Amino acid sequence: MTDDWETVGHVVSSTYRVDALERLAESPAPPSTIADDTGSAVSHVSRALQDLREKGLVDLLVPESRKKGRIYGITDAGREVWETIEAENLA
């Protein structure tokens, strides 16, 4: 769990960020799979992933130059934030 409540609050203020982080806690995935699994539009998922990436909660697992087949995974910091969200029933 994390004590970074500012980051936790930022994540839980968007259902798209919560959904993307929850899905990536299961396994790495491309935005289209996350969108399918969460019932969200790919555009919303892509924005959420970019935001989570800027916060250091997810990583792009393929080269930055790759435009198709971009796979994202959760970072250790992202996992700690997700565990806090789950433990506190914030999702």
PDB file of N, CA and C in Angstrom:
ATOM      1  N   MET A   1       0.841  -1.185   0.000  1.00  0.00           N
ATOM      2  CA  MET A   1       0.000   0.000   0.000  1.00  0.00           C
ATOM      3  C   MET A   1       0.879   1.240   0.000  1.00  0.00           C
ATOM      4  N   THR A   2       0.297   2.322  -0.456  1.00  0.00           N
ATOM      5  CA  THR A   2       1.036   3.573  -0.527  1.00  0.00           C
ATOM      6  C   THR A   2       0.457   4.587   0.449  1.00  0.00           C
ATOM      7  N   ASP A   3       1.261   5.562   0.786  1.00  0.00           N
ATOM      8  CA  ASP A   3       0.753   6.668   1.591  1.00  0.00           C
ATOM      9  C   ASP A   3       0.697   7.941   0.743  1.00  0.00           C
ATOM     10  N   ASP A   4       0.785   7.771  -0.575  1.00  0.00           N
ATOM     11  CA  ASP A   4       0.722   8.889  -1.513  1.00  0.00           C
ATOM     12  C   ASP A   4      -0.743   9.168  -1.854  1.00  0.00           C
ATOM     13  N   TRP A   5      -1.425   9.826  -0.935  1.00  0.00           N
ATOM     14  CA  TRP A   5      -2.863  10.055  -1.092  1.00  0.00           C
ATOM     15  C   TRP A   5      -3.182  11.026  -2.212  1.00  0.00           C
ATOM     16  N   GLU A   6      -2.241  11.907  -2.542  1.00  0.00           N
ATOM     17  CA  GLU A   6      -2.472  12.817  -3.670  1.00  0.00           C
ATOM     18  C   GLU A   6      -2.614  12.015  -4.967  1.00  0.00           C
ATOM     19  N   THR A   7      -1.733  11.034  -5.169  1.00  0.00           N
ATOM     20  CA  THR A   7      -1.803  10.198  -6.364  1.00  0.00           C
ATOM     21  C   THR A   7      -3.037   9.311  -6.337  1.00  0.00           C
ATOM     22  N   VAL A   8      -3.347   8.726  -5.195  1.00  0.00           N
ATOM     23  CA  VAL A   8      -4.557   7.898  -5.069  1.00  0.00           C
ATOM     24  C   VAL A   8      -5.781   8.739  -5.423  1.00  0.00           C
ATOM     25  N   GLY A   9      -5.865   9.942  -4.887  1.00  0.00           N
ATOM     26  CA  GLY A   9      -6.991  10.825  -5.172  1.00  0.00           C
ATOM     27  C   GLY A   9      -7.080  11.175  -6.646  1.00  0.00           C
ATOM     28  N   HIS A  10      -5.929  11.389  -7.263  1.00  0.00           N
ATOM     29  CA  HIS A  10      -5.907  11.694  -8.696  1.00  0.00           C
ATOM     30  C   HIS A  10      -6.456  10.520  -9.505  1.00  0.00           C
ATOM     31  N   VAL A  11      -6.041   9.322  -9.179  1.00  0.00           N
ATOM     32  CA  VAL A  11      -6.513   8.142  -9.910  1.00  0.00           C
ATOM     33  C   VAL A  11      -8.009   7.957  -9.727  1.00  0.00           C
ATOM     34  N   VAL A  12      -8.495   8.009  -8.499  1.00  0.00           N
ATOM     35  CA  VAL A  12      -9.909   7.718  -8.250  1.00  0.00           C
ATOM     36  C   VAL A  12     -10.839   8.828  -8.728  1.00  0.00           C
ATOM     37  N   SER A  13     -10.298   9.975  -9.124  1.00  0.00           N
ATOM     38  CA  SER A  13     -11.147  11.042  -9.647  1.00  0.00           C
ATOM     39  C   SER A  13     -11.577  10.778 -11.090  1.00  0.00           C
ATOM     40  N   SER A  14     -11.092   9.692 -11.690  1.00  0.00           N
ATOM     41  CA  SER A  14     -11.472   9.317 -13.055  1.00  0.00           C
ATOM     42  C   SER A  14     -11.757   7.823 -13.125  1.00  0.00           C
ATOM     43  N   THR A  15     -12.972   7.467 -13.517  1.00  0.00           N
ATOM     44  CA  THR A  15     -13.290   6.045 -13.643  1.00  0.00           C
ATOM     45  C   THR A  15     -12.426   5.393 -14.716  1.00  0.00           C
ATOM     46  N   TYR A  16     -12.017   6.141 -15.735  1.00  0.00           N
ATOM     47  CA  TYR A  16     -11.166   5.582 -16.787  1.00  0.00           C
ATOM     48  C   TYR A  16      -9.783   5.220 -16.238  1.00  0.00           C
ATOM     49  N   ARG A  17      -9.233   6.085 -15.382  1.00  0.00           N
ATOM     50  CA  ARG A  17      -7.929   5.773 -14.772  1.00  0.00           C
ATOM     51  C   ARG A  17      -8.064   4.570 -13.842  1.00  0.00           C
ATOM     52  N   VAL A  18      -9.115   4.534 -13.046  1.00  0.00           N
ATOM     53  CA  VAL A  18      -9.337   3.401 -12.140  1.00  0.00           C
ATOM     54  C   VAL A  18      -9.474   2.114 -12.943  1.00  0.00           C
ATOM     55  N   ASP A  19     -10.313   2.133 -13.970  1.00  0.00           N
ATOM     56  CA  ASP A  19     -10.530   0.933 -14.786  1.00  0.00           C
ATOM     57  C   ASP A  19      -9.249   0.457 -15.451  1.00  0.00           C
ATOM     58  N   ALA A  20      -8.471   1.388 -15.997  1.00  0.00           N
ATOM     59  CA  ALA A  20      -7.230   1.010 -16.676  1.00  0.00           C
ATOM     60  C   ALA A  20      -6.231   0.418 -15.683  1.00  0.00           C
ATOM     61  N   LEU A  21      -6.090   1.039 -14.515  1.00  0.00           N
ATOM     62  CA  LEU A  21      -5.144   0.538 -13.518  1.00  0.00           C
ATOM     63  C   LEU A  21      -5.585  -0.828 -12.995  1.00  0.00           C
ATOM     64  N   GLU A  22      -6.874  -0.981 -12.764  1.00  0.00           N
ATOM     65  CA  GLU A  22      -7.398  -2.269 -12.296  1.00  0.00           C
ATOM     66  C   GLU A  22      -7.112  -3.364 -13.324  1.00  0.00           C
ATOM     67  N   ARG A  23      -7.361  -3.062 -14.597  1.00  0.00           N
ATOM     68  CA  ARG A  23      -7.140  -4.061 -15.646  1.00  0.00           C
ATOM     69  C   ARG A  23      -5.667  -4.417 -15.764  1.00  0.00           C
ATOM     70  N   LEU A  24      -4.788  -3.423 -15.676  1.00  0.00           N
ATOM     71  CA  LEU A  24      -3.354  -3.690 -15.796  1.00  0.00           C
ATOM     72  C   LEU A  24      -2.794  -4.394 -14.567  1.00  0.00           C
ATOM     73  N   ALA A  25      -3.488  -4.327 -13.437  1.00  0.00           N
ATOM     74  CA  ALA A  25      -3.060  -5.079 -12.251  1.00  0.00           C
ATOM     75  C   ALA A  25      -3.174  -6.577 -12.501  1.00  0.00           C
ATOM     76  N   GLU A  26      -4.038  -6.975 -13.439  1.00  0.00           N
ATOM     77  CA  GLU A  26      -4.194  -8.387 -13.805  1.00  0.00           C
ATOM     78  C   GLU A  26      -3.070  -8.860 -14.712  1.00  0.00           C
ATOM     79  N   SER A  27      -2.774  -8.082 -15.772  1.00  0.00           N
ATOM     80  CA  SER A  27      -1.724  -8.436 -16.724  1.00  0.00           C
ATOM     81  C   SER A  27      -1.538  -7.298 -17.713  1.00  0.00           C
ATOM     82  N   PRO A  28      -0.371  -7.235 -18.376  1.00  0.00           N
ATOM     83  CA  PRO A  28      -0.155  -6.215 -19.402  1.00  0.00           C
ATOM     84  C   PRO A  28      -1.177  -6.359 -20.533  1.00  0.00           C
ATOM     85  N   ALA A  29      -1.481  -5.224 -21.192  1.00  0.00           N
ATOM     86  CA  ALA A  29      -2.483  -5.247 -22.250  1.00  0.00           C
ATOM     87  C   ALA A  29      -2.362  -4.009 -23.133  1.00  0.00           C
ATOM     88  N   PRO A  30      -2.844  -4.117 -24.377  1.00  0.00           N
ATOM     89  CA  PRO A  30      -2.929  -2.935 -25.246  1.00  0.00           C
ATOM     90  C   PRO A  30      -4.196  -2.139 -24.919  1.00  0.00           C
ATOM     91  N   PRO A  31      -4.255  -0.878 -25.307  1.00  0.00           N
ATOM     92  CA  PRO A  31      -5.430  -0.054 -25.028  1.00  0.00           C
ATOM     93  C   PRO A  31      -6.733  -0.669 -25.532  1.00  0.00           C
ATOM     94  N   SER A  32      -6.725  -1.313 -26.682  1.00  0.00           N
ATOM     95  CA  SER A  32      -7.969  -1.888 -27.224  1.00  0.00           C
ATOM     96  C   SER A  32      -8.513  -2.997 -26.323  1.00  0.00           C
ATOM     97  N   THR A  33      -7.640  -3.799 -25.756  1.00  0.00           N
ATOM     98  CA  THR A  33      -8.076  -4.859 -24.847  1.00  0.00           C
ATOM     99  C   THR A  33      -8.618  -4.267 -23.554  1.00  0.00           C
ATOM    100  N   ILE A  34      -7.946  -3.243 -23.041  1.00  0.00           N
ATOM    101  CA  ILE A  34      -8.419  -2.577 -21.826  1.00  0.00           C
ATOM    102  C   ILE A  34      -9.805  -1.984 -22.080  1.00  0.00           C
ATOM    103  N   ALA A  35      -9.973  -1.354 -23.243  1.00  0.00           N
ATOM    104  CA  ALA A  35     -11.272  -0.762 -23.597  1.00  0.00           C
ATOM    105  C   ALA A  35     -12.350  -1.838 -23.674  1.00  0.00           C
ATOM    106  N   ASP A  36     -12.043  -2.946 -24.333  1.00  0.00           N
ATOM    107  CA  ASP A  36     -13.015  -4.049 -24.428  1.00  0.00           C
ATOM    108  C   ASP A  36     -13.367  -4.602 -23.054  1.00  0.00           C
ATOM    109  N   ASP A  37     -12.346  -4.800 -22.219  1.00  0.00           N
ATOM    110  CA  ASP A  37     -12.556  -5.411 -20.907  1.00  0.00           C
ATOM    111  C   ASP A  37     -13.305  -4.496 -19.936  1.00  0.00           C
ATOM    112  N   THR A  38     -13.188  -3.182 -20.140  1.00  0.00           N
ATOM    113  CA  THR A  38     -13.810  -2.238 -19.212  1.00  0.00           C
ATOM    114  C   THR A  38     -15.067  -1.580 -19.778  1.00  0.00           C
ATOM    115  N   GLY A  39     -15.349  -1.830 -21.050  1.00  0.00           N
ATOM    116  CA  GLY A  39     -16.519  -1.213 -21.669  1.00  0.00           C
ATOM    117  C   GLY A  39     -16.346   0.266 -21.939  1.00  0.00           C
ATOM    118  N   SER A  40     -15.109   0.694 -22.119  1.00  0.00           N
ATOM    119  CA  SER A  40     -14.800   2.101 -22.370  1.00  0.00           C
ATOM    120  C   SER A  40     -14.380   2.302 -23.817  1.00  0.00           C
ATOM    121  N   ALA A  41     -14.415   3.551 -24.263  1.00  0.00           N
ATOM    122  CA  ALA A  41     -13.916   3.890 -25.592  1.00  0.00           C
ATOM    123  C   ALA A  41     -12.388   3.885 -25.572  1.00  0.00           C
ATOM    124  N   VAL A  42     -11.774   3.446 -26.664  1.00  0.00           N
ATOM    125  CA  VAL A  42     -10.312   3.397 -26.744  1.00  0.00           C
ATOM    126  C   VAL A  42      -9.712   4.787 -26.513  1.00  0.00           C
ATOM    127  N   SER A  43     -10.365   5.827 -27.010  1.00  0.00           N
ATOM    128  CA  SER A  43      -9.834   7.183 -26.836  1.00  0.00           C
ATOM    129  C   SER A  43      -9.750   7.559 -25.349  1.00  0.00           C
ATOM    130  N   HIS A  44     -10.758   7.176 -24.571  1.00  0.00           N
ATOM    131  CA  HIS A  44     -10.725   7.464 -23.130  1.00  0.00           C
ATOM    132  C   HIS A  44      -9.632   6.654 -22.441  1.00  0.00           C
ATOM    133  N   VAL A  45      -9.493   5.404 -22.827  1.00  0.00           N
ATOM    134  CA  VAL A  45      -8.453   4.542 -22.251  1.00  0.00           C
ATOM    135  C   VAL A  45      -7.068   5.091 -22.588  1.00  0.00           C
ATOM    136  N   SER A  46      -6.877   5.508 -23.823  1.00  0.00           N
ATOM    137  CA  SER A  46      -5.571   6.041 -24.239  1.00  0.00           C
ATOM    138  C   SER A  46      -5.202   7.280 -23.438  1.00  0.00           C
ATOM    139  N   ARG A  47      -6.158   8.172 -23.226  1.00  0.00           N
ATOM    140  CA  ARG A  47      -5.890   9.364 -22.405  1.00  0.00           C
ATOM    141  C   ARG A  47      -5.573   8.971 -20.966  1.00  0.00           C
ATOM    142  N   ALA A  48      -6.326   8.021 -20.434  1.00  0.00           N
ATOM    143  CA  ALA A  48      -6.075   7.572 -19.060  1.00  0.00           C
ATOM    144  C   ALA A  48      -4.685   6.958 -18.939  1.00  0.00           C
ATOM    145  N   LEU A  49      -4.293   6.150 -19.918  1.00  0.00           N
ATOM    146  CA  LEU A  49      -2.971   5.522 -19.895  1.00  0.00           C
ATOM    147  C   LEU A  49      -1.867   6.566 -19.961  1.00  0.00           C
ATOM    148  N   GLN A  50      -2.045   7.566 -20.803  1.00  0.00           N
ATOM    149  CA  GLN A  50      -1.042   8.632 -20.897  1.00  0.00           C
ATOM    150  C   GLN A  50      -0.895   9.338 -19.553  1.00  0.00           C
ATOM    151  N   ASP A  51      -2.013   9.624 -18.913  1.00  0.00           N
ATOM    152  CA  ASP A  51      -1.995  10.285 -17.613  1.00  0.00           C
ATOM    153  C   ASP A  51      -1.328   9.395 -16.557  1.00  0.00           C
ATOM    154  N   LEU A  52      -1.695   8.128 -16.524  1.00  0.00           N
ATOM    155  CA  LEU A  52      -1.092   7.191 -15.568  1.00  0.00           C
ATOM    156  C   LEU A  52       0.395   7.031 -15.821  1.00  0.00           C
ATOM    157  N   ARG A  53       0.769   7.068 -17.084  1.00  0.00           N
ATOM    158  CA  ARG A  53       2.193   6.956 -17.435  1.00  0.00           C
ATOM    159  C   ARG A  53       2.967   8.178 -16.945  1.00  0.00           C
ATOM    160  N   GLU A  54       2.387   9.360 -17.106  1.00  0.00           N
ATOM    161  CA  GLU A  54       3.039  10.585 -16.628  1.00  0.00           C
ATOM    162  C   GLU A  54       3.232  10.555 -15.116  1.00  0.00           C
ATOM    163  N   LYS A  55       2.339   9.877 -14.414  1.00  0.00           N
ATOM    164  CA  LYS A  55       2.441   9.760 -12.949  1.00  0.00           C
ATOM    165  C   LYS A  55       3.355   8.605 -12.525  1.00  0.00           C
ATOM    166  N   GLY A  56       3.872   7.835 -13.497  1.00  0.00           N
ATOM    167  CA  GLY A  56       4.764   6.724 -13.182  1.00  0.00           C
ATOM    168  C   GLY A  56       4.045   5.477 -12.694  1.00  0.00           C
ATOM    169  N   LEU A  57       2.746   5.373 -13.001  1.00  0.00           N
ATOM    170  CA  LEU A  57       1.962   4.234 -12.522  1.00  0.00           C
ATOM    171  C   LEU A  57       1.871   3.109 -13.542  1.00  0.00           C
ATOM    172  N   VAL A  58       2.068   3.422 -14.810  1.00  0.00           N
ATOM    173  CA  VAL A  58       2.120   2.411 -15.866  1.00  0.00           C
ATOM    174  C   VAL A  58       3.297   2.720 -16.781  1.00  0.00           C
ATOM    175  N   ASP A  59       3.765   1.698 -17.462  1.00  0.00           N
ATOM    176  CA  ASP A  59       4.866   1.823 -18.415  1.00  0.00           C
ATOM    177  C   ASP A  59       4.439   1.293 -19.765  1.00  0.00           C
ATOM    178  N   LEU A  60       5.015   1.865 -20.805  1.00  0.00           N
ATOM    179  CA  LEU A  60       4.881   1.318 -22.147  1.00  0.00           C
ATOM    180  C   LEU A  60       5.938   0.229 -22.263  1.00  0.00           C
ATOM    181  N   LEU A  61       5.530  -0.985 -22.596  1.00  0.00           N
ATOM    182  CA  LEU A  61       6.448  -2.126 -22.590  1.00  0.00           C
ATOM    183  C   LEU A  61       7.084  -2.406 -23.944  1.00  0.00           C
ATOM    184  N   VAL A  62       6.685  -1.665 -24.969  1.00  0.00           N
ATOM    185  CA  VAL A  62       7.268  -1.807 -26.304  1.00  0.00           C
ATOM    186  C   VAL A  62       7.962  -0.488 -26.640  1.00  0.00           C
ATOM    187  N   PRO A  63       8.775  -0.458 -27.693  1.00  0.00           N
ATOM    188  CA  PRO A  63       9.452   0.797 -28.041  1.00  0.00           C
ATOM    189  C   PRO A  63       8.466   1.943 -28.295  1.00  0.00           C
ATOM    190  N   GLU A  64       8.870   3.123 -27.882  1.00  0.00           N
ATOM    191  CA  GLU A  64       8.048   4.326 -28.034  1.00  0.00           C
ATOM    192  C   GLU A  64       7.649   4.558 -29.492  1.00  0.00           C
ATOM    193  N   SER A  65       8.502   4.182 -30.415  1.00  0.00           N
ATOM    194  CA  SER A  65       8.244   4.416 -31.840  1.00  0.00           C
ATOM    195  C   SER A  65       7.108   3.547 -32.385  1.00  0.00           C
ATOM    196  N   ARG A  66       6.763   2.515 -31.683  1.00  0.00           N
ATOM    197  CA  ARG A  66       5.715   1.601 -32.153  1.00  0.00           C
ATOM    198  C   ARG A  66       4.345   2.252 -31.977  1.00  0.00           C
ATOM    199  N   LYS A  67       3.608   2.352 -33.056  1.00  0.00           N
ATOM    200  CA  LYS A  67       2.298   3.015 -33.009  1.00  0.00           C
ATOM    201  C   LYS A  67       1.147   2.022 -32.901  1.00  0.00           C
ATOM    202  N   LYS A  68       1.330   0.804 -33.363  1.00  0.00           N
ATOM    203  CA  LYS A  68       0.309  -0.242 -33.229  1.00  0.00           C
ATOM    204  C   LYS A  68       0.869  -1.330 -32.331  1.00  0.00           C
ATOM    205  N   GLY A  69      -0.006  -1.987 -31.604  1.00  0.00           N
ATOM    206  CA  GLY A  69       0.450  -3.056 -30.720  1.00  0.00           C
ATOM    207  C   GLY A  69       1.194  -2.548 -29.505  1.00  0.00           C
ATOM    208  N   ARG A  70       0.799  -1.369 -29.024  1.00  0.00           N
ATOM    209  CA  ARG A  70       1.441  -0.808 -27.834  1.00  0.00           C
ATOM    210  C   ARG A  70       0.895  -1.535 -26.600  1.00  0.00           C
ATOM    211  N   ILE A  71       1.773  -2.128 -25.847  1.00  0.00           N
ATOM    212  CA  ILE A  71       1.399  -2.904 -24.659  1.00  0.00           C
ATOM    213  C   ILE A  71       1.825  -2.122 -23.419  1.00  0.00           C
ATOM    214  N   TYR A  72       0.900  -1.992 -22.477  1.00  0.00           N
ATOM    215  CA  TYR A  72       1.173  -1.284 -21.234  1.00  0.00           C
ATOM    216  C   TYR A  72       1.173  -2.263 -20.072  1.00  0.00           C
ATOM    217  N   GLY A  73       1.969  -1.949 -19.071  1.00  0.00           N
ATOM    218  CA  GLY A  73       2.020  -2.747 -17.851  1.00  0.00           C
ATOM    219  C   GLY A  73       2.049  -1.828 -16.647  1.00  0.00           C
ATOM    220  N   ILE A  74       1.656  -2.356 -15.512  1.00  0.00           N
ATOM    221  CA  ILE A  74       1.621  -1.580 -14.272  1.00  0.00           C
ATOM    222  C   ILE A  74       3.028  -1.551 -13.658  1.00  0.00           C
ATOM    223  N   THR A  75       3.400  -0.433 -13.059  1.00  0.00           N
ATOM    224  CA  THR A  75       4.690  -0.316 -12.375  1.00  0.00           C
ATOM    225  C   THR A  75       4.511  -0.719 -10.905  1.00  0.00           C
ATOM    226  N   ASP A  76       5.620  -0.818 -10.190  1.00  0.00           N
ATOM    227  CA  ASP A  76       5.541  -1.111  -8.755  1.00  0.00           C
ATOM    228  C   ASP A  76       4.750  -0.018  -8.036  1.00  0.00           C
ATOM    229  N   ALA A  77       4.982   1.234  -8.419  1.00  0.00           N
ATOM    230  CA  ALA A  77       4.244   2.345  -7.807  1.00  0.00           C
ATOM    231  C   ALA A  77       2.760   2.234  -8.135  1.00  0.00           C
ATOM    232  N   GLY A  78       2.447   1.851  -9.364  1.00  0.00           N
ATOM    233  CA  GLY A  78       1.057   1.674  -9.766  1.00  0.00           C
ATOM    234  C   GLY A  78       0.383   0.563  -8.989  1.00  0.00           C
ATOM    235  N   ARG A  79       1.116  -0.513  -8.764  1.00  0.00           N
ATOM    236  CA  ARG A  79       0.560  -1.631  -7.993  1.00  0.00           C
ATOM    237  C   ARG A  79       0.279  -1.194  -6.547  1.00  0.00           C
ATOM    238  N   GLU A  80       1.174  -0.416  -5.967  1.00  0.00           N
ATOM    239  CA  GLU A  80       0.958   0.076  -4.595  1.00  0.00           C
ATOM    240  C   GLU A  80      -0.276   0.972  -4.530  1.00  0.00           C
ATOM    241  N   VAL A  81      -0.428   1.850  -5.521  1.00  0.00           N
ATOM    242  CA  VAL A  81      -1.605   2.720  -5.560  1.00  0.00           C
ATOM    243  C   VAL A  81      -2.860   1.876  -5.724  1.00  0.00           C
ATOM    244  N   TRP A  82      -2.820   0.884  -6.631  1.00  0.00           N
ATOM    245  CA  TRP A  82      -3.996   0.033  -6.831  1.00  0.00           C
ATOM    246  C   TRP A  82      -4.348  -0.741  -5.558  1.00  0.00           C
ATOM    247  N   GLU A  83      -3.339  -1.265  -4.860  1.00  0.00           N
ATOM    248  CA  GLU A  83      -3.599  -1.998  -3.618  1.00  0.00           C
ATOM    249  C   GLU A  83      -4.253  -1.098  -2.573  1.00  0.00           C
ATOM    250  N   THR A  84      -3.842   0.167  -2.523  1.00  0.00           N
ATOM    251  CA  THR A  84      -4.451   1.120  -1.596  1.00  0.00           C
ATOM    252  C   THR A  84      -5.901   1.389  -1.992  1.00  0.00           C
ATOM    253  N   ILE A  85      -6.149   1.574  -3.280  1.00  0.00           N
ATOM    254  CA  ILE A  85      -7.507   1.813  -3.754  1.00  0.00           C
ATOM    255  C   ILE A  85      -8.403   0.629  -3.406  1.00  0.00           C
ATOM    256  N   GLU A  86      -7.907  -0.584  -3.625  1.00  0.00           N
ATOM    257  CA  GLU A  86      -8.673  -1.784  -3.289  1.00  0.00           C
ATOM    258  C   GLU A  86      -8.908  -1.904  -1.786  1.00  0.00           C
ATOM    259  N   ALA A  87      -7.853  -1.731  -1.003  1.00  0.00           N
ATOM    260  CA  ALA A  87      -7.939  -1.911   0.447  1.00  0.00           C
ATOM    261  C   ALA A  87      -8.888  -0.900   1.092  1.00  0.00           C
ATOM    262  N   GLU A  88      -8.939   0.281   0.532  1.00  0.00           N
ATOM    263  CA  GLU A  88      -9.783   1.339   1.096  1.00  0.00           C
ATOM    264  C   GLU A  88     -11.157   1.395   0.424  1.00  0.00           C
ATOM    265  N   ASN A  89     -11.427   0.439  -0.483  1.00  0.00           N
ATOM    266  CA  ASN A  89     -12.706   0.405  -1.215  1.00  0.00           C
ATOM    267  C   ASN A  89     -13.013   1.716  -1.921  1.00  0.00           C
ATOM    268  N   LEU A  90     -12.001   2.246  -2.616  1.00  0.00           N
ATOM    269  CA  LEU A  90     -12.164   3.525  -3.305  1.00  0.00           C
ATOM    270  C   LEU A  90     -12.539   3.374  -4.770  1.00  0.00           C
ATOM    271  N   ALA A  91     -12.503   2.141  -5.266  1.00  0.00           N
ATOM    272  CA  ALA A  91     -12.802   1.919  -6.697  1.00  0.00           C
ATOM    273  C   ALA A  91     -14.292   1.779  -6.909  1.00  0.00           C
TER     274      ALA A  91
END
